[in-house]
Amino acid sequence: MGPFTAFTDLAAQIEIPRDGTLSRTLYRDDRVRVVAFGFDAGQELTEHTAAAAAIIQVMSGRFRVTLGGEMLDLLPTAWVHMAPGLPHSVVAIERSVMLLTMLQDCPDAT
């Protein structure tokens, strides 16, 4: 691995499938994993939890995200930090791309 990793257009790194969801790991090391997700309108990730803290960044489109029972509508430039173990779900309101950054062994930040 080189001294840096760069993407000049993150949203262009993933295709949005028709009637589906597609994910692509863009970067991974022993502390961080970055995954781009492309969602067609109406596609979702049903409620689940993760052992690690994570950050959602909306690159394009619009999402409805439920975080521990609280619902948020997220537009491009939205940023959300999720503590480990937080129940959450994601629904694409329109064709959308989001970036998910999973943080291993990082203390919960508020």
C-alpha atoms as a PDB file:
ATOM      1  CA  MET A   1       0.000   0.000   0.000  1.00  0.00           C
ATOM      2  CA  GLY A   2       1.296   3.451  -0.891  1.00  0.00           C
ATOM      3  CA  PRO A   3       1.628   6.477   1.402  1.00  0.00           C
ATOM      4  CA  PHE A   4      -1.915   7.640   0.576  1.00  0.00           C
ATOM      5  CA  THR A   5      -5.216   6.597  -0.978  1.00  0.00           C
ATOM      6  CA  ALA A   6      -7.241   9.183  -2.912  1.00  0.00           C
ATOM      7  CA  PHE A   7     -10.583   9.243  -4.719  1.00  0.00           C
ATOM      8  CA  THR A   8     -11.286  12.437  -6.647  1.00  0.00           C
ATOM      9  CA  ASP A   9     -14.986  11.543  -7.054  1.00  0.00           C
ATOM     10  CA  LEU A  10     -16.282   9.154  -4.378  1.00  0.00           C
ATOM     11  CA  ALA A  11     -19.814   8.961  -5.798  1.00  0.00           C
ATOM     12  CA  ALA A  12     -18.386   7.732  -9.113  1.00  0.00           C
ATOM     13  CA  GLN A  13     -16.775   4.732  -7.387  1.00  0.00           C
ATOM     14  CA  ILE A  14     -20.051   2.784  -7.279  1.00  0.00           C
ATOM     15  CA  GLU A  15     -22.810   2.015  -9.738  1.00  0.00           C
ATOM     16  CA  ILE A  16     -26.393   2.157  -8.535  1.00  0.00           C
ATOM     17  CA  PRO A  17     -28.088  -1.086  -9.611  1.00  0.00           C
ATOM     18  CA  ARG A  18     -31.685  -1.230 -10.825  1.00  0.00           C
ATOM     19  CA  ASP A  19     -33.919  -2.686  -8.081  1.00  0.00           C
ATOM     20  CA  GLY A  20     -31.031  -3.428  -5.749  1.00  0.00           C
ATOM     21  CA  THR A  21     -28.176  -2.378  -3.521  1.00  0.00           C
ATOM     22  CA  LEU A  22     -24.477  -2.722  -4.289  1.00  0.00           C
ATOM     23  CA  SER A  23     -21.504  -2.245  -1.961  1.00  0.00           C
ATOM     24  CA  ARG A  24     -17.812  -1.886  -2.722  1.00  0.00           C
ATOM     25  CA  THR A  25     -14.961  -1.729  -0.227  1.00  0.00           C
ATOM     26  CA  LEU A  26     -12.790   1.247  -1.176  1.00  0.00           C
ATOM     27  CA  TYR A  27     -10.213   1.070   1.610  1.00  0.00           C
ATOM     28  CA  ARG A  28      -9.312  -1.263   4.443  1.00  0.00           C
ATOM     29  CA  ASP A  29      -6.593  -1.505   7.048  1.00  0.00           C
ATOM     30  CA  ASP A  30      -6.463  -2.851  10.609  1.00  0.00           C
ATOM     31  CA  ARG A  31      -8.373   0.181  12.048  1.00  0.00           C
ATOM     32  CA  VAL A  32     -10.617   1.519   9.260  1.00  0.00           C
ATOM     33  CA  ARG A  33     -12.853   0.049   6.568  1.00  0.00           C
ATOM     34  CA  VAL A  34     -14.529   2.334   4.009  1.00  0.00           C
ATOM     35  CA  VAL A  35     -17.424   0.964   1.956  1.00  0.00           C
ATOM     36  CA  ALA A  36     -19.431   2.764  -0.738  1.00  0.00           C
ATOM     37  CA  PHE A  37     -23.084   1.718  -1.126  1.00  0.00           C
ATOM     38  CA  GLY A  38     -25.312   2.357  -4.132  1.00  0.00           C
ATOM     39  CA  PHE A  39     -29.065   2.031  -3.537  1.00  0.00           C
ATOM     40  CA  ASP A  40     -31.910   2.154  -6.024  1.00  0.00           C
ATOM     41  CA  ALA A  41     -34.986   4.039  -4.796  1.00  0.00           C
ATOM     42  CA  GLY A  42     -36.860   2.078  -2.122  1.00  0.00           C
ATOM     43  CA  GLN A  43     -33.986  -0.284  -1.343  1.00  0.00           C
ATOM     44  CA  GLU A  44     -32.999  -0.722   2.284  1.00  0.00           C
ATOM     45  CA  LEU A  45     -30.729  -2.221   4.884  1.00  0.00           C
ATOM     46  CA  THR A  46     -33.073  -3.562   7.549  1.00  0.00           C
ATOM     47  CA  GLU A  47     -32.437  -2.870  11.217  1.00  0.00           C
ATOM     48  CA  HIS A  48     -29.173  -4.284  12.486  1.00  0.00           C
ATOM     49  CA  THR A  49     -26.299  -3.458  14.831  1.00  0.00           C
ATOM     50  CA  ALA A  50     -22.543  -3.389  14.384  1.00  0.00           C
ATOM     51  CA  ALA A  51     -19.804  -4.177  16.883  1.00  0.00           C
ATOM     52  CA  ALA A  52     -17.725  -1.180  15.763  1.00  0.00           C
ATOM     53  CA  ALA A  53     -18.427   2.544  15.644  1.00  0.00           C
ATOM     54  CA  ALA A  54     -19.348   3.753  12.154  1.00  0.00           C
ATOM     55  CA  ILE A  55     -19.837   6.954  10.182  1.00  0.00           C
ATOM     56  CA  ILE A  56     -22.405   7.475   7.411  1.00  0.00           C
ATOM     57  CA  GLN A  57     -21.761  10.173   4.803  1.00  0.00           C
ATOM     58  CA  VAL A  58     -24.338  10.808   2.061  1.00  0.00           C
ATOM     59  CA  MET A  59     -22.692  11.364  -1.318  1.00  0.00           C
ATOM     60  CA  SER A  60     -25.829  11.689  -3.465  1.00  0.00           C
ATOM     61  CA  GLY A  61     -29.568  11.149  -3.208  1.00  0.00           C
ATOM     62  CA  ARG A  62     -31.646  10.999  -0.058  1.00  0.00           C
ATOM     63  CA  PHE A  63     -31.922   8.467   2.764  1.00  0.00           C
ATOM     64  CA  ARG A  64     -34.254   7.889   5.683  1.00  0.00           C
ATOM     65  CA  VAL A  65     -32.168   6.488   8.526  1.00  0.00           C
ATOM     66  CA  THR A  66     -33.463   5.160  11.832  1.00  0.00           C
ATOM     67  CA  LEU A  67     -30.929   5.382  14.663  1.00  0.00           C
ATOM     68  CA  GLY A  68     -31.949   3.805  17.956  1.00  0.00           C
ATOM     69  CA  GLY A  69     -35.618   4.539  17.219  1.00  0.00           C
ATOM     70  CA  GLU A  70     -35.075   8.124  16.000  1.00  0.00           C
ATOM     71  CA  MET A  71     -35.747   8.771  12.292  1.00  0.00           C
ATOM     72  CA  LEU A  72     -33.653  11.241  10.260  1.00  0.00           C
ATOM     73  CA  ASP A  73     -33.841  12.286   6.604  1.00  0.00           C
ATOM     74  CA  LEU A  74     -30.316  12.634   5.225  1.00  0.00           C
ATOM     75  CA  LEU A  75     -29.335  14.647   2.149  1.00  0.00           C
ATOM     76  CA  PRO A  76     -25.941  15.039   0.426  1.00  0.00           C
ATOM     77  CA  THR A  77     -23.285  16.344   2.819  1.00  0.00           C
ATOM     78  CA  ALA A  78     -25.055  14.714   5.814  1.00  0.00           C
ATOM     79  CA  TRP A  79     -22.734  13.083   8.356  1.00  0.00           C
ATOM     80  CA  VAL A  80     -23.726  10.697  11.170  1.00  0.00           C
ATOM     81  CA  HIS A  81     -21.571   8.951  13.794  1.00  0.00           C
ATOM     82  CA  MET A  82     -23.044   5.736  15.253  1.00  0.00           C
ATOM     83  CA  ALA A  83     -21.820   4.210  18.501  1.00  0.00           C
ATOM     84  CA  PRO A  84     -21.096   0.459  18.566  1.00  0.00           C
ATOM     85  CA  GLY A  85     -24.244  -1.617  19.130  1.00  0.00           C
ATOM     86  CA  LEU A  86     -26.695   1.100  18.027  1.00  0.00           C
ATOM     87  CA  PRO A  87     -29.700  -0.446  16.212  1.00  0.00           C
ATOM     88  CA  HIS A  88     -30.050   1.272  12.825  1.00  0.00           C
ATOM     89  CA  SER A  89     -31.655   0.890   9.411  1.00  0.00           C
ATOM     90  CA  VAL A  90     -31.275   2.713   6.090  1.00  0.00           C
ATOM     91  CA  VAL A  91     -33.858   3.291   3.314  1.00  0.00           C
ATOM     92  CA  ALA A  92     -33.051   5.066   0.032  1.00  0.00           C
ATOM     93  CA  ILE A  93     -35.818   7.549  -0.785  1.00  0.00           C
ATOM     94  CA  GLU A  94     -34.348   7.980  -4.284  1.00  0.00           C
ATOM     95  CA  ARG A  95     -31.346   6.545  -6.153  1.00  0.00           C
ATOM     96  CA  SER A  96     -28.543   7.263  -3.700  1.00  0.00           C
ATOM     97  CA  VAL A  97     -24.911   6.684  -2.763  1.00  0.00           C
ATOM     98  CA  MET A  98     -23.528   6.663   0.774  1.00  0.00           C
ATOM     99  CA  LEU A  99     -20.113   6.111   2.266  1.00  0.00           C
ATOM    100  CA  LEU A 100     -19.819   3.973   5.394  1.00  0.00           C
ATOM    101  CA  THR A 101     -16.626   4.201   7.460  1.00  0.00           C
ATOM    102  CA  MET A 102     -16.236   1.507  10.127  1.00  0.00           C
ATOM    103  CA  LEU A 103     -13.804   2.294  12.947  1.00  0.00           C
ATOM    104  CA  GLN A 104     -12.196  -0.658  14.721  1.00  0.00           C
ATOM    105  CA  ASP A 105     -10.978  -0.365  18.325  1.00  0.00           C
ATOM    106  CA  CYS A 106     -11.894   3.307  18.587  1.00  0.00           C
ATOM    107  CA  PRO A 107     -13.507   4.619  21.755  1.00  0.00           C
ATOM    108  CA  ASP A 108     -17.061   5.918  21.461  1.00  0.00           C
ATOM    109  CA  ALA A 109     -16.985   9.649  20.656  1.00  0.00           C
ATOM    110  CA  THR A 110     -19.848  12.009  21.339  1.00  0.00           C
END
